[in-house]
Protein backbone atom coordinates (compact mmCIF):
# COMPACT_ATOMS: atom_id res chain seq x y z
CA GLN A 1 8.18 0.55 26.58
CA ARG A 2 5.26 -0.19 28.94
CA SER A 3 2.50 2.33 30.70
CA GLU A 4 1.95 1.65 34.10
CA PHE A 5 -1.26 -0.41 33.57
CA ASN A 6 0.92 -3.43 32.05
CA SER A 7 0.03 -1.95 28.41
CA ASP A 8 1.87 -1.65 25.00
CA VAL A 9 -1.12 -1.12 22.87
CA PHE A 10 -0.41 2.22 22.03
CA LEU A 11 3.02 0.54 20.52
CA ALA A 12 0.92 -1.70 17.64
CA THR A 13 0.95 -1.31 14.58
CA ASN A 14 0.45 -3.81 11.88
CA GLU A 15 2.21 -3.15 8.50
CA LEU A 16 1.69 -5.04 5.11
CA VAL A 17 4.42 -4.39 2.42
CA LEU A 18 4.37 -5.15 -1.49
CA ARG A 19 7.20 -4.43 -3.03
CA VAL A 20 6.76 -5.33 -7.12
CA GLN A 21 10.32 -3.96 -8.07
CA PRO A 22 12.92 -3.78 -7.41
CA ASP A 23 13.45 -7.00 -4.83
CA GLU A 24 10.47 -8.09 -4.94
CA THR A 25 9.36 -9.12 -1.57
CA ILE A 26 6.47 -9.67 1.18
CA TYR A 27 6.39 -8.55 4.31
CA PHE A 28 4.27 -8.49 6.86
CA LYS A 29 3.98 -7.48 10.55
CA ILE A 30 1.36 -7.95 12.87
CA ASN A 31 1.33 -7.54 16.41
CA ASN A 32 -0.91 -10.09 19.05
CA LYS A 33 -1.44 -9.71 22.36
CA ILE A 34 0.35 -12.53 25.10
CA SER A 35 -1.84 -14.07 27.00
CA GLY A 36 -2.73 -12.64 30.42
CA LEU A 37 -4.35 -10.46 32.01
CA GLY A 38 -1.97 -7.67 30.98
CA THR A 39 -2.49 -6.15 27.30
CA ARG A 40 1.12 -6.73 26.47
CA LEU A 41 1.74 -7.25 22.64
CA ASN A 42 4.62 -9.50 20.77
CA ARG A 43 5.30 -8.34 17.29
CA ASN A 44 5.73 -11.37 14.58
CA ASP A 45 6.96 -10.94 11.37
CA LEU A 46 6.90 -12.65 7.69
CA ASN A 47 9.33 -11.55 5.25
CA LEU A 48 9.58 -13.47 1.92
CA LEU A 49 12.37 -12.32 -0.27
CA TYR A 50 11.63 -13.55 -3.72
CA ASN A 51 15.42 -13.60 -4.96
CA THR A 52 16.43 -15.38 -1.60
CA ARG A 53 13.63 -17.87 -1.72
CA TYR A 54 13.70 -18.82 -5.06
CA SER A 55 16.72 -19.42 -7.11
CA ARG A 56 14.99 -18.94 -10.67
CA GLU A 57 15.21 -15.96 -12.11
CA ILE A 58 11.68 -13.45 -11.86
CA SER A 59 10.41 -12.18 -14.99
CA ASP A 60 10.30 -8.46 -15.05
CA ALA A 61 6.47 -7.05 -15.10
CA TYR A 62 6.81 -5.16 -18.35
CA GLU A 63 7.56 -8.76 -20.19
CA TRP A 64 4.16 -10.50 -18.98
CA LEU A 65 2.33 -7.02 -19.96
CA LEU A 66 4.33 -6.94 -23.39
CA LEU A 67 3.62 -10.45 -23.97
CA ASP A 68 -0.19 -10.48 -23.01
CA ALA A 69 -0.65 -7.36 -25.07
CA ILE A 70 1.18 -9.12 -28.39
CA GLY A 71 -1.33 -11.98 -26.80
CA GLY A 72 -4.16 -9.84 -28.04
CA GLU A 73 -5.21 -10.51 -23.96
CA ARG A 74 -7.28 -7.44 -23.60
CA ARG A 75 -8.56 -7.61 -19.96
CA LEU A 76 -5.57 -6.01 -19.00
CA PHE A 77 -5.92 -3.08 -21.04
CA ILE A 78 -8.44 0.31 -21.04
CA ARG A 79 -10.80 0.21 -23.94
CA SER A 80 -11.62 3.75 -25.33
CA ASN A 81 -14.98 4.03 -23.71
CA GLU A 82 -14.01 3.64 -20.52
CA LEU A 83 -11.16 5.96 -20.73
CA ASP A 84 -14.21 8.71 -21.78
CA ALA A 85 -16.09 7.79 -18.95
CA ALA A 86 -12.99 8.62 -16.55
CA SER A 87 -12.08 11.50 -18.59
CA SER A 88 -15.72 12.84 -17.88
CA ILE A 89 -15.69 12.28 -14.59
CA PHE A 90 -12.15 12.98 -13.08
CA MET A 91 -11.06 16.10 -15.57
CA PRO A 92 -13.59 18.61 -14.31
CA LEU A 93 -12.39 17.86 -10.67
CA LEU A 94 -8.86 17.98 -11.68
CA LYS A 95 -9.52 21.75 -13.66
CA GLU A 96 -11.26 23.17 -10.79
CA LEU A 97 -8.15 22.06 -8.22
CA GLU A 98 -5.68 23.43 -10.90
CA ALA A 99 -7.34 26.84 -10.93
CA LYS A 100 -8.46 26.96 -7.36
CA LYS A 101 -4.69 26.03 -6.68
CA ILE A 102 -5.57 23.55 -4.32
CA ALA A 103 -3.02 21.51 -3.15
CA PRO A 104 -3.39 17.83 -0.92
CA ASP A 105 -2.82 18.06 2.72
CA LEU A 106 0.54 16.88 3.97
CA TYR A 107 0.72 14.77 6.78
CA LEU A 108 3.58 12.70 8.51
CA TYR A 109 4.17 9.17 7.69
CA GLY A 110 2.32 6.76 10.43
CA SER A 111 -0.08 9.55 11.56
CA ARG A 112 -3.66 9.66 11.46
CA GLY A 113 -3.75 12.38 8.82
CA SER A 114 -3.58 16.19 8.35
CA VAL A 115 -4.52 18.24 10.96
CA ARG A 116 -7.19 19.74 8.79
CA ALA A 117 -8.93 16.52 8.39
CA HIS A 118 -9.13 15.80 12.01
CA TYR A 119 -10.99 19.05 12.56
């Protein structure tokens, strides 16, 4: 669908999807301008579905996590002082949200956000 000014820019939505589990996938959709005086767009897709591209079995994410924990890899896990610092920052905020019964503003997928945030 094109407007009277030979433009379909309003249809432009780039999308990057990283699906971890199940069916590990990297999907990228990008819109690029078709050469010429108008502003018509062409959509290009990159879809990498791991189980169709690679024949060997993909390890479960938890397998790697457990192997790292057994091997003593500490960089992937939060330290107690980091947990204390995060709690001191976020717990008062979460308690206030709960006490005042403040709910997040909902908005439609693909929109620019909630109506309240706009104003």
